[in-house]
């Protein structure tokens, strides 16, 4: 998995590091899954995801609950879907 960062979508402040896997990185429809690198609760919603190559884009995070079976806490696992172009 690649290393990235999550930022607040309004203030632009760093929130947490992530490990992510991108399943589709097309211009208008990028999405994948990510795990938080630190134990913290963040609500579902709009954030800015910074990828390992430095590109950023606005995305929507939704908790992925079925990862609990694999031993990861559900509050660490999210699906993301891009809502803006990666720049």
C-alpha atoms as a PDB file:
ATOM      1  CA  UNK A   1       0.000   0.000   0.000  1.00  0.00           C
ATOM      2  CA  UNK A   2       1.125   3.541  -0.728  1.00  0.00           C
ATOM      3  CA  UNK A   3       1.544   6.253   1.913  1.00  0.00           C
ATOM      4  CA  UNK A   4      -0.611   9.386   1.815  1.00  0.00           C
ATOM      5  CA  UNK A   5      -2.163  12.074   4.004  1.00  0.00           C
ATOM      6  CA  UNK A   6      -5.660  13.280   4.848  1.00  0.00           C
ATOM      7  CA  UNK A   7      -6.362  17.008   5.248  1.00  0.00           C
ATOM      8  CA  UNK A   8      -9.407  18.925   6.429  1.00  0.00           C
ATOM      9  CA  UNK A   9     -11.330  19.987   3.315  1.00  0.00           C
ATOM     10  CA  UNK A  10     -12.184  23.453   4.652  1.00  0.00           C
ATOM     11  CA  UNK A  11      -9.133  24.567   6.665  1.00  0.00           C
ATOM     12  CA  UNK A  12      -6.564  22.511   4.759  1.00  0.00           C
ATOM     13  CA  UNK A  13      -4.989  21.313   8.035  1.00  0.00           C
ATOM     14  CA  UNK A  14      -3.255  17.915   8.259  1.00  0.00           C
ATOM     15  CA  UNK A  15      -5.369  15.310  10.078  1.00  0.00           C
ATOM     16  CA  UNK A  16      -3.706  11.882   9.758  1.00  0.00           C
ATOM     17  CA  UNK A  17      -1.413   9.751   7.638  1.00  0.00           C
ATOM     18  CA  UNK A  18      -2.925   6.903   5.634  1.00  0.00           C
ATOM     19  CA  UNK A  19      -2.002   3.804   3.685  1.00  0.00           C
ATOM     20  CA  UNK A  20      -4.116   3.625   0.563  1.00  0.00           C
ATOM     21  CA  UNK A  21      -4.786   1.437  -2.434  1.00  0.00           C
ATOM     22  CA  UNK A  22      -6.153   3.106  -5.557  1.00  0.00           C
ATOM     23  CA  UNK A  23      -8.466   0.907  -7.653  1.00  0.00           C
ATOM     24  CA  UNK A  24      -9.220   3.447 -10.382  1.00  0.00           C
ATOM     25  CA  UNK A  25      -7.317   6.661 -10.986  1.00  0.00           C
ATOM     26  CA  UNK A  26      -9.086   7.945 -14.082  1.00  0.00           C
ATOM     27  CA  UNK A  27      -9.521  11.698 -14.520  1.00  0.00           C
ATOM     28  CA  UNK A  28     -13.070  11.990 -13.190  1.00  0.00           C
ATOM     29  CA  UNK A  29     -13.646   8.746 -11.284  1.00  0.00           C
ATOM     30  CA  UNK A  30     -10.837   7.877  -8.865  1.00  0.00           C
ATOM     31  CA  UNK A  31     -11.522   5.666  -5.869  1.00  0.00           C
ATOM     32  CA  UNK A  32     -10.031   3.073  -3.542  1.00  0.00           C
ATOM     33  CA  UNK A  33      -9.587   2.044   0.087  1.00  0.00           C
ATOM     34  CA  UNK A  34      -7.421   3.409   2.861  1.00  0.00           C
ATOM     35  CA  UNK A  35      -6.373   2.647   6.423  1.00  0.00           C
ATOM     36  CA  UNK A  36      -5.469   5.308   8.985  1.00  0.00           C
ATOM     37  CA  UNK A  37      -1.908   4.988  10.294  1.00  0.00           C
ATOM     38  CA  UNK A  38      -2.869   6.355  13.742  1.00  0.00           C
ATOM     39  CA  UNK A  39      -5.703   5.333  16.017  1.00  0.00           C
ATOM     40  CA  UNK A  40      -8.257   8.138  15.787  1.00  0.00           C
ATOM     41  CA  UNK A  41     -11.890   8.659  14.978  1.00  0.00           C
ATOM     42  CA  UNK A  42     -12.739  10.743  11.969  1.00  0.00           C
ATOM     43  CA  UNK A  43     -16.310  11.071  10.756  1.00  0.00           C
ATOM     44  CA  UNK A  44     -17.417  10.084   7.271  1.00  0.00           C
ATOM     45  CA  UNK A  45     -17.412  13.089   4.977  1.00  0.00           C
ATOM     46  CA  UNK A  46     -15.396  15.300   2.659  1.00  0.00           C
ATOM     47  CA  UNK A  47     -11.590  15.487   2.963  1.00  0.00           C
ATOM     48  CA  UNK A  48      -8.523  16.178   0.844  1.00  0.00           C
ATOM     49  CA  UNK A  49      -6.363  13.153   0.064  1.00  0.00           C
ATOM     50  CA  UNK A  50      -2.692  13.672  -0.777  1.00  0.00           C
ATOM     51  CA  UNK A  51      -1.181  10.765  -2.698  1.00  0.00           C
ATOM     52  CA  UNK A  52       2.385   9.465  -2.442  1.00  0.00           C
ATOM     53  CA  UNK A  53       3.333  11.361  -5.629  1.00  0.00           C
ATOM     54  CA  UNK A  54       2.162  14.693  -4.149  1.00  0.00           C
ATOM     55  CA  UNK A  55      -1.080  15.016  -6.116  1.00  0.00           C
ATOM     56  CA  UNK A  56      -4.121  16.114  -4.123  1.00  0.00           C
ATOM     57  CA  UNK A  57      -7.845  15.890  -4.618  1.00  0.00           C
ATOM     58  CA  UNK A  58     -11.067  16.288  -2.697  1.00  0.00           C
ATOM     59  CA  UNK A  59     -12.724  12.995  -1.791  1.00  0.00           C
ATOM     60  CA  UNK A  60     -15.528  11.538   0.291  1.00  0.00           C
ATOM     61  CA  UNK A  61     -14.620   8.958   2.956  1.00  0.00           C
ATOM     62  CA  UNK A  62     -17.023   6.239   4.144  1.00  0.00           C
ATOM     63  CA  UNK A  63     -16.183   3.700   6.861  1.00  0.00           C
ATOM     64  CA  UNK A  64     -15.700   0.143   5.676  1.00  0.00           C
ATOM     65  CA  UNK A  65     -17.019  -2.069   8.468  1.00  0.00           C
ATOM     66  CA  UNK A  66     -16.351  -5.531   7.065  1.00  0.00           C
ATOM     67  CA  UNK A  67     -12.576  -5.176   7.628  1.00  0.00           C
ATOM     68  CA  UNK A  68     -13.134  -5.992  11.332  1.00  0.00           C
ATOM     69  CA  UNK A  69     -13.019  -9.685  10.430  1.00  0.00           C
ATOM     70  CA  UNK A  70      -9.408  -9.332   9.280  1.00  0.00           C
ATOM     71  CA  UNK A  71      -8.316  -7.955  12.661  1.00  0.00           C
ATOM     72  CA  UNK A  72      -8.277  -4.250  11.772  1.00  0.00           C
ATOM     73  CA  UNK A  73     -10.490  -1.925  13.766  1.00  0.00           C
ATOM     74  CA  UNK A  74     -13.388  -0.649  11.645  1.00  0.00           C
ATOM     75  CA  UNK A  75     -12.677   2.986  12.497  1.00  0.00           C
ATOM     76  CA  UNK A  76      -9.341   2.651  10.679  1.00  0.00           C
ATOM     77  CA  UNK A  77     -10.755   1.407   7.343  1.00  0.00           C
ATOM     78  CA  UNK A  78     -12.403   3.632   4.747  1.00  0.00           C
ATOM     79  CA  UNK A  79     -13.471   3.668   1.132  1.00  0.00           C
ATOM     80  CA  UNK A  80     -12.797   6.887  -0.735  1.00  0.00           C
ATOM     81  CA  UNK A  81     -14.264   8.335  -3.912  1.00  0.00           C
ATOM     82  CA  UNK A  82     -12.819  11.379  -5.606  1.00  0.00           C
ATOM     83  CA  UNK A  83     -15.027  14.416  -6.017  1.00  0.00           C
ATOM     84  CA  UNK A  84     -12.472  16.620  -7.813  1.00  0.00           C
ATOM     85  CA  UNK A  85      -9.570  16.264 -10.209  1.00  0.00           C
ATOM     86  CA  UNK A  86      -6.228  15.052  -8.802  1.00  0.00           C
ATOM     87  CA  UNK A  87      -3.685  17.889  -9.147  1.00  0.00           C
END
